[in-house]
Amino acid sequence: MPIGPCQHALDLAAWAAKEQRFKENAWGQRHFDAWFAPRVGWEQAVVVTLKGLAVYADAHAAAYGTPLGADGVCGRYWLDSVVAFLRLRDGEHGRFDAGALGDAARAMVTAAGYDNEECEEIG
């Protein structure tokens, strides 16, 4: 299956962190490196979790022809999973920048067809 819009949104967010965030320090580069070459443990868990959520949303859109955000049942559970992931940012996440992870999650939620109000709900 080719890369879908949610997976693409995550990769773009990592590039944005490298190119636009934290130009005065190395956090953007660290975040980028953690995304594309995660260390075993925390970083690997972050990447697998976010990519898994993205693949699920993209697979739903490919199978049903509508974005996951339009699904009144599974769409809510998926969004709850994203919120739960974002709460885990309060714990350890390796070289990732917590703010950039939030930006990536919001980009993925938008790509999955959720409206602005629902995107704001995730924090």
PDB file of N, CA and C in Angstrom:
ATOM      1  N   MET A   1       0.846  -1.173   0.000  1.00  0.00           N
ATOM      2  CA  MET A   1       0.000   0.000   0.000  1.00  0.00           C
ATOM      3  C   MET A   1       0.893   1.238   0.000  1.00  0.00           C
ATOM      4  N   PRO A   2       0.640   2.164  -0.901  1.00  0.00           N
ATOM      5  CA  PRO A   2       1.457   3.398  -0.919  1.00  0.00           C
ATOM      6  C   PRO A   2       1.213   4.224   0.339  1.00  0.00           C
ATOM      7  N   ILE A   3       2.137   5.107   0.604  1.00  0.00           N
ATOM      8  CA  ILE A   3       2.015   5.970   1.787  1.00  0.00           C
ATOM      9  C   ILE A   3       0.768   6.843   1.640  1.00  0.00           C
ATOM     10  N   GLY A   4       0.009   6.909   2.724  1.00  0.00           N
ATOM     11  CA  GLY A   4      -1.226   7.674   2.712  1.00  0.00           C
ATOM     12  C   GLY A   4      -1.031   9.069   3.285  1.00  0.00           C
ATOM     13  N   PRO A   5      -2.087   9.870   3.261  1.00  0.00           N
ATOM     14  CA  PRO A   5      -1.972  11.262   3.714  1.00  0.00           C
ATOM     15  C   PRO A   5      -1.602  11.422   5.185  1.00  0.00           C
ATOM     16  N   CYS A   6      -2.035  10.500   6.030  1.00  0.00           N
ATOM     17  CA  CYS A   6      -1.694  10.625   7.452  1.00  0.00           C
ATOM     18  C   CYS A   6      -0.225  10.318   7.684  1.00  0.00           C
ATOM     19  N   GLN A   7       0.282   9.279   7.015  1.00  0.00           N
ATOM     20  CA  GLN A   7       1.700   8.962   7.134  1.00  0.00           C
ATOM     21  C   GLN A   7       2.550  10.094   6.557  1.00  0.00           C
ATOM     22  N   HIS A   8       2.107  10.642   5.450  1.00  0.00           N
ATOM     23  CA  HIS A   8       2.821  11.750   4.813  1.00  0.00           C
ATOM     24  C   HIS A   8       2.857  12.970   5.738  1.00  0.00           C
ATOM     25  N   ALA A   9       1.757  13.237   6.441  1.00  0.00           N
ATOM     26  CA  ALA A   9       1.699  14.378   7.362  1.00  0.00           C
ATOM     27  C   ALA A   9       2.735  14.241   8.469  1.00  0.00           C
ATOM     28  N   LEU A  10       2.937  13.016   8.966  1.00  0.00           N
ATOM     29  CA  LEU A  10       3.933  12.800  10.021  1.00  0.00           C
ATOM     30  C   LEU A  10       5.345  13.073   9.518  1.00  0.00           C
ATOM     31  N   ASP A  11       5.659  12.571   8.332  1.00  0.00           N
ATOM     32  CA  ASP A  11       6.995  12.804   7.767  1.00  0.00           C
ATOM     33  C   ASP A  11       7.230  14.290   7.507  1.00  0.00           C
ATOM     34  N   LEU A  12       6.220  14.970   6.986  1.00  0.00           N
ATOM     35  CA  LEU A  12       6.362  16.412   6.745  1.00  0.00           C
ATOM     36  C   LEU A  12       6.599  17.171   8.043  1.00  0.00           C
ATOM     37  N   ALA A  13       5.943  16.751   9.107  1.00  0.00           N
ATOM     38  CA  ALA A  13       6.132  17.410  10.401  1.00  0.00           C
ATOM     39  C   ALA A  13       7.563  17.236  10.892  1.00  0.00           C
ATOM     40  N   ALA A  14       8.161  16.075  10.662  1.00  0.00           N
ATOM     41  CA  ALA A  14       9.556  15.857  11.061  1.00  0.00           C
ATOM     42  C   ALA A  14      10.487  16.760  10.264  1.00  0.00           C
ATOM     43  N   TRP A  15      10.235  16.902   8.972  1.00  0.00           N
ATOM     44  CA  TRP A  15      11.047  17.807   8.149  1.00  0.00           C
ATOM     45  C   TRP A  15      10.866  19.253   8.610  1.00  0.00           C
ATOM     46  N   ALA A  16       9.641  19.624   8.960  1.00  0.00           N
ATOM     47  CA  ALA A  16       9.398  20.990   9.425  1.00  0.00           C
ATOM     48  C   ALA A  16      10.169  21.268  10.703  1.00  0.00           C
ATOM     49  N   ALA A  17      10.232  20.279  11.587  1.00  0.00           N
ATOM     50  CA  ALA A  17      10.990  20.453  12.830  1.00  0.00           C
ATOM     51  C   ALA A  17      12.455  20.705  12.530  1.00  0.00           C
ATOM     52  N   LYS A  18      12.974  19.995  11.559  1.00  0.00           N
ATOM     53  CA  LYS A  18      14.389  20.155  11.210  1.00  0.00           C
ATOM     54  C   LYS A  18      14.642  21.517  10.564  1.00  0.00           C
ATOM     55  N   GLU A  19      13.774  21.913   9.663  1.00  0.00           N
ATOM     56  CA  GLU A  19      14.011  23.109   8.861  1.00  0.00           C
ATOM     57  C   GLU A  19      13.570  24.413   9.525  1.00  0.00           C
ATOM     58  N   GLN A  20      12.511  24.371  10.315  1.00  0.00           N
ATOM     59  CA  GLN A  20      11.929  25.621  10.786  1.00  0.00           C
ATOM     60  C   GLN A  20      11.982  25.814  12.291  1.00  0.00           C
ATOM     61  N   ARG A  21      12.051  24.768  13.036  1.00  0.00           N
ATOM     62  CA  ARG A  21      12.010  24.873  14.493  1.00  0.00           C
ATOM     63  C   ARG A  21      13.405  24.957  15.065  1.00  0.00           C
ATOM     64  N   PHE A  22      13.538  25.707  16.092  1.00  0.00           N
ATOM     65  CA  PHE A  22      14.737  25.686  16.907  1.00  0.00           C
ATOM     66  C   PHE A  22      16.018  25.934  16.113  1.00  0.00           C
ATOM     67  N   LYS A  23      15.971  26.851  15.175  1.00  0.00           N
ATOM     68  CA  LYS A  23      17.170  27.121  14.375  1.00  0.00           C
ATOM     69  C   LYS A  23      18.337  27.563  15.241  1.00  0.00           C
ATOM     70  N   GLU A  24      18.023  28.106  16.418  1.00  0.00           N
ATOM     71  CA  GLU A  24      19.088  28.586  17.289  1.00  0.00           C
ATOM     72  C   GLU A  24      19.723  27.460  18.112  1.00  0.00           C
ATOM     73  N   ASN A  25      19.144  26.259  18.080  1.00  0.00           N
ATOM     74  CA  ASN A  25      19.745  25.134  18.800  1.00  0.00           C
ATOM     75  C   ASN A  25      19.555  23.846  18.011  1.00  0.00           C
ATOM     76  N   ALA A  26      19.883  22.731  18.598  1.00  0.00           N
ATOM     77  CA  ALA A  26      19.907  21.462  17.868  1.00  0.00           C
ATOM     78  C   ALA A  26      18.639  20.629  18.032  1.00  0.00           C
ATOM     79  N   TRP A  27      17.612  21.133  18.720  1.00  0.00           N
ATOM     80  CA  TRP A  27      16.445  20.294  18.969  1.00  0.00           C
ATOM     81  C   TRP A  27      15.727  19.856  17.703  1.00  0.00           C
ATOM     82  N   GLY A  28      15.629  20.732  16.736  1.00  0.00           N
ATOM     83  CA  GLY A  28      14.972  20.351  15.484  1.00  0.00           C
ATOM     84  C   GLY A  28      15.677  19.193  14.810  1.00  0.00           C
ATOM     85  N   GLN A  29      17.009  19.248  14.777  1.00  0.00           N
ATOM     86  CA  GLN A  29      17.776  18.155  14.175  1.00  0.00           C
ATOM     87  C   GLN A  29      17.639  16.879  14.995  1.00  0.00           C
ATOM     88  N   ARG A  30      17.653  16.983  16.314  1.00  0.00           N
ATOM     89  CA  ARG A  30      17.486  15.798  17.170  1.00  0.00           C
ATOM     90  C   ARG A  30      16.130  15.139  16.928  1.00  0.00           C
ATOM     91  N   HIS A  31      15.089  15.970  16.842  1.00  0.00           N
ATOM     92  CA  HIS A  31      13.745  15.453  16.590  1.00  0.00           C
ATOM     93  C   HIS A  31      13.712  14.718  15.241  1.00  0.00           C
ATOM     94  N   PHE A  32      14.265  15.346  14.228  1.00  0.00           N
ATOM     95  CA  PHE A  32      14.314  14.756  12.893  1.00  0.00           C
ATOM     96  C   PHE A  32      15.048  13.419  12.933  1.00  0.00           C
ATOM     97  N   ASP A  33      16.201  13.388  13.577  1.00  0.00           N
ATOM     98  CA  ASP A  33      16.985  12.148  13.672  1.00  0.00           C
ATOM     99  C   ASP A  33      16.220  11.065  14.408  1.00  0.00           C
ATOM    100  N   ALA A  34      15.518  11.431  15.474  1.00  0.00           N
ATOM    101  CA  ALA A  34      14.744  10.445  16.230  1.00  0.00           C
ATOM    102  C   ALA A  34      13.608   9.868  15.384  1.00  0.00           C
ATOM    103  N   TRP A  35      13.030  10.691  14.511  1.00  0.00           N
ATOM    104  CA  TRP A  35      11.925  10.219  13.673  1.00  0.00           C
ATOM    105  C   TRP A  35      12.411   9.240  12.611  1.00  0.00           C
ATOM    106  N   PHE A  36      13.483   9.582  11.934  1.00  0.00           N
ATOM    107  CA  PHE A  36      13.937   8.758  10.806  1.00  0.00           C
ATOM    108  C   PHE A  36      14.948   7.684  11.192  1.00  0.00           C
ATOM    109  N   ALA A  37      15.533   7.780  12.376  1.00  0.00           N
ATOM    110  CA  ALA A  37      16.467   6.757  12.874  1.00  0.00           C
ATOM    111  C   ALA A  37      16.280   6.615  14.379  1.00  0.00           C
ATOM    112  N   PRO A  38      15.112   6.101  14.801  1.00  0.00           N
ATOM    113  CA  PRO A  38      14.831   6.040  16.233  1.00  0.00           C
ATOM    114  C   PRO A  38      15.727   5.045  16.959  1.00  0.00           C
ATOM    115  N   ARG A  39      16.106   5.436  18.156  1.00  0.00           N
ATOM    116  CA  ARG A  39      16.844   4.523  19.023  1.00  0.00           C
ATOM    117  C   ARG A  39      15.865   3.516  19.618  1.00  0.00           C
ATOM    118  N   VAL A  40      16.361   2.317  19.922  1.00  0.00           N
ATOM    119  CA  VAL A  40      15.538   1.284  20.538  1.00  0.00           C
ATOM    120  C   VAL A  40      15.049   1.799  21.889  1.00  0.00           C
ATOM    121  N   GLY A  41      13.813   1.569  22.176  1.00  0.00           N
ATOM    122  CA  GLY A  41      13.228   2.013  23.438  1.00  0.00           C
ATOM    123  C   GLY A  41      12.201   3.093  23.214  1.00  0.00           C
ATOM    124  N   TRP A  42      12.345   4.204  23.937  1.00  0.00           N
ATOM    125  CA  TRP A  42      11.357   5.292  23.906  1.00  0.00           C
ATOM    126  C   TRP A  42      11.110   5.816  22.501  1.00  0.00           C
ATOM    127  N   GLU A  43      12.171   6.120  21.788  1.00  0.00           N
ATOM    128  CA  GLU A  43      12.002   6.704  20.454  1.00  0.00           C
ATOM    129  C   GLU A  43      11.322   5.727  19.510  1.00  0.00           C
ATOM    130  N   GLN A  44      11.708   4.487  19.575  1.00  0.00           N
ATOM    131  CA  GLN A  44      11.088   3.468  18.738  1.00  0.00           C
ATOM    132  C   GLN A  44       9.590   3.361  19.056  1.00  0.00           C
ATOM    133  N   ALA A  45       9.250   3.412  20.332  1.00  0.00           N
ATOM    134  CA  ALA A  45       7.841   3.333  20.735  1.00  0.00           C
ATOM    135  C   ALA A  45       7.037   4.518  20.196  1.00  0.00           C
ATOM    136  N   VAL A  46       7.619   5.712  20.227  1.00  0.00           N
ATOM    137  CA  VAL A  46       6.935   6.901  19.701  1.00  0.00           C
ATOM    138  C   VAL A  46       6.659   6.738  18.213  1.00  0.00           C
ATOM    139  N   VAL A  47       7.680   6.339  17.464  1.00  0.00           N
ATOM    140  CA  VAL A  47       7.538   6.206  16.012  1.00  0.00           C
ATOM    141  C   VAL A  47       6.522   5.117  15.662  1.00  0.00           C
ATOM    142  N   VAL A  48       6.633   3.962  16.295  1.00  0.00           N
ATOM    143  CA  VAL A  48       5.720   2.852  16.007  1.00  0.00           C
ATOM    144  C   VAL A  48       4.281   3.238  16.343  1.00  0.00           C
ATOM    145  N   THR A  49       4.086   3.927  17.453  1.00  0.00           N
ATOM    146  CA  THR A  49       2.727   4.317  17.859  1.00  0.00           C
ATOM    147  C   THR A  49       2.125   5.301  16.864  1.00  0.00           C
ATOM    148  N   LEU A  50       2.849   6.375  16.561  1.00  0.00           N
ATOM    149  CA  LEU A  50       2.299   7.368  15.634  1.00  0.00           C
ATOM    150  C   LEU A  50       2.120   6.796  14.231  1.00  0.00           C
ATOM    151  N   LYS A  51       3.091   6.045  13.750  1.00  0.00           N
ATOM    152  CA  LYS A  51       2.944   5.464  12.414  1.00  0.00           C
ATOM    153  C   LYS A  51       1.812   4.447  12.375  1.00  0.00           C
ATOM    154  N   GLY A  52       1.640   3.690  13.455  1.00  0.00           N
ATOM    155  CA  GLY A  52       0.532   2.742  13.505  1.00  0.00           C
ATOM    156  C   GLY A  52      -0.812   3.440  13.422  1.00  0.00           C
ATOM    157  N   LEU A  53      -0.959   4.533  14.149  1.00  0.00           N
ATOM    158  CA  LEU A  53      -2.194   5.307  14.084  1.00  0.00           C
ATOM    159  C   LEU A  53      -2.407   5.873  12.682  1.00  0.00           C
ATOM    160  N   ALA A  54      -1.331   6.341  12.058  1.00  0.00           N
ATOM    161  CA  ALA A  54      -1.437   6.894  10.704  1.00  0.00           C
ATOM    162  C   ALA A  54      -1.825   5.817   9.693  1.00  0.00           C
ATOM    163  N   VAL A  55      -1.194   4.660   9.783  1.00  0.00           N
ATOM    164  CA  VAL A  55      -1.513   3.555   8.859  1.00  0.00           C
ATOM    165  C   VAL A  55      -2.974   3.147   9.022  1.00  0.00           C
ATOM    166  N   TYR A  56      -3.454   3.077  10.260  1.00  0.00           N
ATOM    167  CA  TYR A  56      -4.845   2.715  10.503  1.00  0.00           C
ATOM    168  C   TYR A  56      -5.780   3.712   9.815  1.00  0.00           C
ATOM    169  N   ALA A  57      -5.525   5.001  10.013  1.00  0.00           N
ATOM    170  CA  ALA A  57      -6.382   6.028   9.412  1.00  0.00           C
ATOM    171  C   ALA A  57      -6.329   5.971   7.885  1.00  0.00           C
ATOM    172  N   ASP A  58      -5.139   5.789   7.342  1.00  0.00           N
ATOM    173  CA  ASP A  58      -5.000   5.706   5.881  1.00  0.00           C
ATOM    174  C   ASP A  58      -5.680   4.451   5.332  1.00  0.00           C
ATOM    175  N   ALA A  59      -5.565   3.337   6.049  1.00  0.00           N
ATOM    176  CA  ALA A  59      -6.207   2.093   5.609  1.00  0.00           C
ATOM    177  C   ALA A  59      -7.728   2.235   5.624  1.00  0.00           C
ATOM    178  N   HIS A  60      -8.248   2.918   6.628  1.00  0.00           N
ATOM    179  CA  HIS A  60      -9.692   3.150   6.706  1.00  0.00           C
ATOM    180  C   HIS A  60     -10.156   3.955   5.491  1.00  0.00           C
ATOM    181  N   ALA A  61      -9.446   5.031   5.198  1.00  0.00           N
ATOM    182  CA  ALA A  61      -9.819   5.872   4.057  1.00  0.00           C
ATOM    183  C   ALA A  61      -9.743   5.094   2.745  1.00  0.00           C
ATOM    184  N   ALA A  62      -8.720   4.261   2.593  1.00  0.00           N
ATOM    185  CA  ALA A  62      -8.567   3.470   1.372  1.00  0.00           C
ATOM    186  C   ALA A  62      -9.676   2.418   1.249  1.00  0.00           C
ATOM    187  N   ALA A  63     -10.061   1.808   2.357  1.00  0.00           N
ATOM    188  CA  ALA A  63     -11.067   0.747   2.327  1.00  0.00           C
ATOM    189  C   ALA A  63     -12.486   1.264   2.127  1.00  0.00           C
ATOM    190  N   TYR A  64     -12.796   2.378   2.756  1.00  0.00           N
ATOM    191  CA  TYR A  64     -14.175   2.859   2.760  1.00  0.00           C
ATOM    192  C   TYR A  64     -14.417   4.104   1.925  1.00  0.00           C
ATOM    193  N   GLY A  65     -13.343   4.719   1.440  1.00  0.00           N
ATOM    194  CA  GLY A  65     -13.499   5.895   0.595  1.00  0.00           C
ATOM    195  C   GLY A  65     -13.875   7.158   1.340  1.00  0.00           C
ATOM    196  N   THR A  66     -13.848   7.098   2.661  1.00  0.00           N
ATOM    197  CA  THR A  66     -14.124   8.274   3.474  1.00  0.00           C
ATOM    198  C   THR A  66     -13.059   8.359   4.563  1.00  0.00           C
ATOM    199  N   PRO A  67     -12.738   9.563   4.999  1.00  0.00           N
ATOM    200  CA  PRO A  67     -11.718   9.685   6.045  1.00  0.00           C
ATOM    201  C   PRO A  67     -12.194   9.125   7.376  1.00  0.00           C
ATOM    202  N   LEU A  68     -11.275   8.684   8.174  1.00  0.00           N
ATOM    203  CA  LEU A  68     -11.597   8.122   9.481  1.00  0.00           C
ATOM    204  C   LEU A  68     -12.349   9.120  10.349  1.00  0.00           C
ATOM    205  N   GLY A  69     -12.059  10.395  10.178  1.00  0.00           N
ATOM    206  CA  GLY A  69     -12.742  11.424  10.959  1.00  0.00           C
ATOM    207  C   GLY A  69     -14.243  11.438  10.748  1.00  0.00           C
ATOM    208  N   ALA A  70     -14.725  10.866   9.651  1.00  0.00           N
ATOM    209  CA  ALA A  70     -16.157  10.821   9.368  1.00  0.00           C
ATOM    210  C   ALA A  70     -16.832   9.598   9.973  1.00  0.00           C
ATOM    211  N   ASP A  71     -16.052   8.672  10.517  1.00  0.00           N
ATOM    212  CA  ASP A  71     -16.605   7.448  11.114  1.00  0.00           C
ATOM    213  C   ASP A  71     -17.032   7.749  12.546  1.00  0.00           C
ATOM    214  N   GLY A  72     -18.322   7.660  12.820  1.00  0.00           N
ATOM    215  CA  GLY A  72     -18.859   8.024  14.124  1.00  0.00           C
ATOM    216  C   GLY A  72     -18.509   7.075  15.252  1.00  0.00           C
ATOM    217  N   VAL A  73     -17.973   5.900  14.943  1.00  0.00           N
ATOM    218  CA  VAL A  73     -17.615   4.941  15.982  1.00  0.00           C
ATOM    219  C   VAL A  73     -16.097   4.822  16.080  1.00  0.00           C
ATOM    220  N   CYS A  74     -15.487   4.212  15.082  1.00  0.00           N
ATOM    221  CA  CYS A  74     -14.032   4.000  15.123  1.00  0.00           C
ATOM    222  C   CYS A  74     -13.263   5.314  15.118  1.00  0.00           C
ATOM    223  N   GLY A  75     -13.819   6.310  14.465  1.00  0.00           N
ATOM    224  CA  GLY A  75     -13.149   7.607  14.429  1.00  0.00           C
ATOM    225  C   GLY A  75     -12.949   8.191  15.816  1.00  0.00           C
ATOM    226  N   ARG A  76     -13.939   8.040  16.665  1.00  0.00           N
ATOM    227  CA  ARG A  76     -13.830   8.549  18.042  1.00  0.00           C
ATOM    228  C   ARG A  76     -12.769   7.788  18.823  1.00  0.00           C
ATOM    229  N   TYR A  77     -12.741   6.467  18.671  1.00  0.00           N
ATOM    230  CA  TYR A  77     -11.745   5.653  19.387  1.00  0.00           C
ATOM    231  C   TYR A  77     -10.335   5.972  18.913  1.00  0.00           C
ATOM    232  N   TRP A  78     -10.187   6.186  17.618  1.00  0.00           N
ATOM    233  CA  TRP A  78      -8.872   6.525  17.063  1.00  0.00           C
ATOM    234  C   TRP A  78      -8.409   7.859  17.646  1.00  0.00           C
ATOM    235  N   LEU A  79      -9.298   8.836  17.672  1.00  0.00           N
ATOM    236  CA  LEU A  79      -8.940  10.143  18.219  1.00  0.00           C
ATOM    237  C   LEU A  79      -8.591  10.028  19.698  1.00  0.00           C
ATOM    238  N   ASP A  80      -9.313   9.189  20.429  1.00  0.00           N
ATOM    239  CA  ASP A  80      -8.974   8.949  21.838  1.00  0.00           C
ATOM    240  C   ASP A  80      -7.570   8.367  21.968  1.00  0.00           C
ATOM    241  N   SER A  81      -7.189   7.516  21.018  1.00  0.00           N
ATOM    242  CA  SER A  81      -5.839   6.933  21.034  1.00  0.00           C
ATOM    243  C   SER A  81      -4.773   7.998  20.804  1.00  0.00           C
ATOM    244  N   VAL A  82      -5.057   8.933  19.921  1.00  0.00           N
ATOM    245  CA  VAL A  82      -4.119  10.034  19.687  1.00  0.00           C
ATOM    246  C   VAL A  82      -3.982  10.874  20.954  1.00  0.00           C
ATOM    247  N   VAL A  83      -5.096  11.166  21.600  1.00  0.00           N
ATOM    248  CA  VAL A  83      -5.063  11.939  22.846  1.00  0.00           C
ATOM    249  C   VAL A  83      -4.242  11.199  23.897  1.00  0.00           C
ATOM    250  N   ALA A  84      -4.443   9.892  24.016  1.00  0.00           N
ATOM    251  CA  ALA A  84      -3.675   9.099  24.982  1.00  0.00           C
ATOM    252  C   ALA A  84      -2.185   9.161  24.665  1.00  0.00           C
ATOM    253  N   PHE A  85      -1.829   9.056  23.391  1.00  0.00           N
ATOM    254  CA  PHE A  85      -0.423   9.176  23.007  1.00  0.00           C
ATOM    255  C   PHE A  85       0.137  10.526  23.442  1.00  0.00           C
ATOM    256  N   LEU A  86      -0.615  11.580  23.200  1.00  0.00           N
ATOM    257  CA  LEU A  86      -0.135  12.916  23.552  1.00  0.00           C
ATOM    258  C   LEU A  86       0.058  13.072  25.055  1.00  0.00           C
ATOM    259  N   ARG A  87      -0.736  12.390  25.854  1.00  0.00           N
ATOM    260  CA  ARG A  87      -0.542  12.432  27.301  1.00  0.00           C
ATOM    261  C   ARG A  87       0.769  11.738  27.680  1.00  0.00           C
ATOM    262  N   LEU A  88       1.163  10.744  26.916  1.00  0.00           N
ATOM    263  CA  LEU A  88       2.421  10.043  27.179  1.00  0.00           C
ATOM    264  C   LEU A  88       3.642  10.931  26.903  1.00  0.00           C
ATOM    265  N   ARG A  89       3.453  12.019  26.171  1.00  0.00           N
ATOM    266  CA  ARG A  89       4.571  12.945  25.957  1.00  0.00           C
ATOM    267  C   ARG A  89       5.078  13.529  27.265  1.00  0.00           C
ATOM    268  N   ASP A  90       4.245  13.490  28.288  1.00  0.00           N
ATOM    269  CA  ASP A  90       4.665  13.997  29.596  1.00  0.00           C
ATOM    270  C   ASP A  90       5.728  13.101  30.216  1.00  0.00           C
ATOM    271  N   GLY A  91       5.875  11.907  29.680  1.00  0.00           N
ATOM    272  CA  GLY A  91       6.912  10.980  30.137  1.00  0.00           C
ATOM    273  C   GLY A  91       8.136  11.075  29.240  1.00  0.00           C
ATOM    274  N   GLU A  92       8.888  10.025  29.199  1.00  0.00           N
ATOM    275  CA  GLU A  92      10.132  10.000  28.419  1.00  0.00           C
ATOM    276  C   GLU A  92       9.838   9.816  26.934  1.00  0.00           C
ATOM    277  N   HIS A  93      10.552  10.525  26.094  1.00  0.00           N
ATOM    278  CA  HIS A  93      10.394  10.378  24.647  1.00  0.00           C
ATOM    279  C   HIS A  93      11.717  10.568  23.903  1.00  0.00           C
ATOM    280  N   GLY A  94      12.828  10.352  24.577  1.00  0.00           N
ATOM    281  CA  GLY A  94      14.136  10.384  23.912  1.00  0.00           C
ATOM    282  C   GLY A  94      14.481  11.750  23.362  1.00  0.00           C
ATOM    283  N   ARG A  95      14.978  11.757  22.140  1.00  0.00           N
ATOM    284  CA  ARG A  95      15.424  12.999  21.496  1.00  0.00           C
ATOM    285  C   ARG A  95      14.281  13.803  20.899  1.00  0.00           C
ATOM    286  N   PHE A  96      13.084  13.285  20.963  1.00  0.00           N
ATOM    287  CA  PHE A  96      11.947  14.010  20.396  1.00  0.00           C
ATOM    288  C   PHE A  96      11.655  15.278  21.181  1.00  0.00           C
ATOM    289  N   ASP A  97      11.194  16.290  20.474  1.00  0.00           N
ATOM    290  CA  ASP A  97      10.693  17.508  21.091  1.00  0.00           C
ATOM    291  C   ASP A  97       9.192  17.336  21.294  1.00  0.00           C
ATOM    292  N   ALA A  98       8.706  17.543  22.498  1.00  0.00           N
ATOM    293  CA  ALA A  98       7.298  17.319  22.809  1.00  0.00           C
ATOM    294  C   ALA A  98       6.378  18.211  21.967  1.00  0.00           C
ATOM    295  N   GLY A  99       6.753  19.457  21.774  1.00  0.00           N
ATOM    296  CA  GLY A  99       5.938  20.357  20.964  1.00  0.00           C
ATOM    297  C   GLY A  99       5.861  19.909  19.518  1.00  0.00           C
ATOM    298  N   ALA A 100       6.973  19.455  18.975  1.00  0.00           N
ATOM    299  CA  ALA A 100       6.981  18.977  17.597  1.00  0.00           C
ATOM    300  C   ALA A 100       6.165  17.694  17.455  1.00  0.00           C
ATOM    301  N   LEU A 101       6.161  16.838  18.488  1.00  0.00           N
ATOM    302  CA  LEU A 101       5.303  15.648  18.459  1.00  0.00           C
ATOM    303  C   LEU A 101       3.833  16.046  18.435  1.00  0.00           C
ATOM    304  N   GLY A 102       3.490  17.068  19.209  1.00  0.00           N
ATOM    305  CA  GLY A 102       2.116  17.569  19.188  1.00  0.00           C
ATOM    306  C   GLY A 102       1.734  18.115  17.823  1.00  0.00           C
ATOM    307  N   ASP A 103       2.650  18.852  17.204  1.00  0.00           N
ATOM    308  CA  ASP A 103       2.400  19.369  15.846  1.00  0.00           C
ATOM    309  C   ASP A 103       2.176  18.228  14.863  1.00  0.00           C
ATOM    310  N   ALA A 104       2.993  17.182  14.981  1.00  0.00           N
ATOM    311  CA  ALA A 104       2.870  16.025  14.089  1.00  0.00           C
ATOM    312  C   ALA A 104       1.528  15.332  14.289  1.00  0.00           C
ATOM    313  N   ALA A 105       1.134  15.150  15.544  1.00  0.00           N
ATOM    314  CA  ALA A 105      -0.147  14.494  15.830  1.00  0.00           C
ATOM    315  C   ALA A 105      -1.311  15.316  15.291  1.00  0.00           C
ATOM    316  N   ARG A 106      -1.262  16.627  15.459  1.00  0.00           N
ATOM    317  CA  ARG A 106      -2.335  17.475  14.936  1.00  0.00           C
ATOM    318  C   ARG A 106      -2.378  17.437  13.410  1.00  0.00           C
ATOM    319  N   ALA A 107      -1.224  17.404  12.766  1.00  0.00           N
ATOM    320  CA  ALA A 107      -1.194  17.296  11.297  1.00  0.00           C
ATOM    321  C   ALA A 107      -1.809  15.975  10.844  1.00  0.00           C
ATOM    322  N   MET A 108      -1.521  14.902  11.577  1.00  0.00           N
ATOM    323  CA  MET A 108      -2.084  13.589  11.247  1.00  0.00           C
ATOM    324  C   MET A 108      -3.604  13.603  11.436  1.00  0.00           C
ATOM    325  N   VAL A 109      -4.077  14.205  12.518  1.00  0.00           N
ATOM    326  CA  VAL A 109      -5.513  14.267  12.788  1.00  0.00           C
ATOM    327  C   VAL A 109      -6.219  15.065  11.692  1.00  0.00           C
ATOM    328  N   THR A 110      -5.635  16.148  11.280  1.00  0.00           N
ATOM    329  CA  THR A 110      -6.208  16.940  10.190  1.00  0.00           C
ATOM    330  C   THR A 110      -6.259  16.122   8.907  1.00  0.00           C
ATOM    331  N   ALA A 111      -5.175  15.419   8.600  1.00  0.00           N
ATOM    332  CA  ALA A 111      -5.121  14.585   7.394  1.00  0.00           C
ATOM    333  C   ALA A 111      -6.140  13.454   7.455  1.00  0.00           C
ATOM    334  N   ALA A 112      -6.525  13.039   8.670  1.00  0.00           N
ATOM    335  CA  ALA A 112      -7.506  11.966   8.831  1.00  0.00           C
ATOM    336  C   ALA A 112      -8.942  12.476   8.729  1.00  0.00           C
ATOM    337  N   GLY A 113      -9.113  13.752   8.442  1.00  0.00           N
ATOM    338  CA  GLY A 113     -10.440  14.283   8.167  1.00  0.00           C
ATOM    339  C   GLY A 113     -11.183  14.884   9.342  1.00  0.00           C
ATOM    340  N   TYR A 114     -10.491  15.172  10.406  1.00  0.00           N
ATOM    341  CA  TYR A 114     -11.137  15.802  11.559  1.00  0.00           C
ATOM    342  C   TYR A 114     -11.172  17.308  11.352  1.00  0.00           C
ATOM    343  N   ASP A 115     -12.187  17.952  11.917  1.00  0.00           N
ATOM    344  CA  ASP A 115     -12.303  19.406  11.753  1.00  0.00           C
ATOM    345  C   ASP A 115     -11.455  20.125  12.801  1.00  0.00           C
ATOM    346  N   ASN A 116     -11.392  21.444  12.680  1.00  0.00           N
ATOM    347  CA  ASN A 116     -10.548  22.241  13.564  1.00  0.00           C
ATOM    348  C   ASN A 116     -10.920  22.090  15.029  1.00  0.00           C
ATOM    349  N   GLU A 117     -12.217  22.018  15.324  1.00  0.00           N
ATOM    350  CA  GLU A 117     -12.666  21.870  16.707  1.00  0.00           C
ATOM    351  C   GLU A 117     -12.142  20.563  17.302  1.00  0.00           C
ATOM    352  N   GLU A 118     -12.202  19.499  16.524  1.00  0.00           N
ATOM    353  CA  GLU A 118     -11.705  18.212  17.017  1.00  0.00           C
ATOM    354  C   GLU A 118     -10.183  18.224  17.164  1.00  0.00           C
ATOM    355  N   CYS A 119      -9.502  18.939  16.289  1.00  0.00           N
ATOM    356  CA  CYS A 119      -8.049  19.062  16.391  1.00  0.00           C
ATOM    357  C   CYS A 119      -7.662  19.826  17.657  1.00  0.00           C
ATOM    358  N   GLU A 120      -8.412  20.854  17.989  1.00  0.00           N
ATOM    359  CA  GLU A 120      -8.144  21.620  19.198  1.00  0.00           C
ATOM    360  C   GLU A 120      -8.388  20.780  20.447  1.00  0.00           C
ATOM    361  N   GLU A 121      -9.318  19.842  20.335  1.00  0.00           N
ATOM    362  CA  GLU A 121      -9.652  18.974  21.463  1.00  0.00           C
ATOM    363  C   GLU A 121      -8.465  18.133  21.914  1.00  0.00           C
ATOM    364  N   ILE A 122      -7.576  17.808  21.003  1.00  0.00           N
ATOM    365  CA  ILE A 122      -6.469  16.924  21.370  1.00  0.00           C
ATOM    366  C   ILE A 122      -5.371  17.659  22.111  1.00  0.00           C
ATOM    367  N   GLY A 123      -5.423  18.955  22.151  1.00  0.00           N
ATOM    368  CA  GLY A 123      -4.437  19.722  22.906  1.00  0.00           C
ATOM    369  C   GLY A 123      -3.209  20.090  22.144  1.00  0.00           C
TER     370      GLY A 123
END
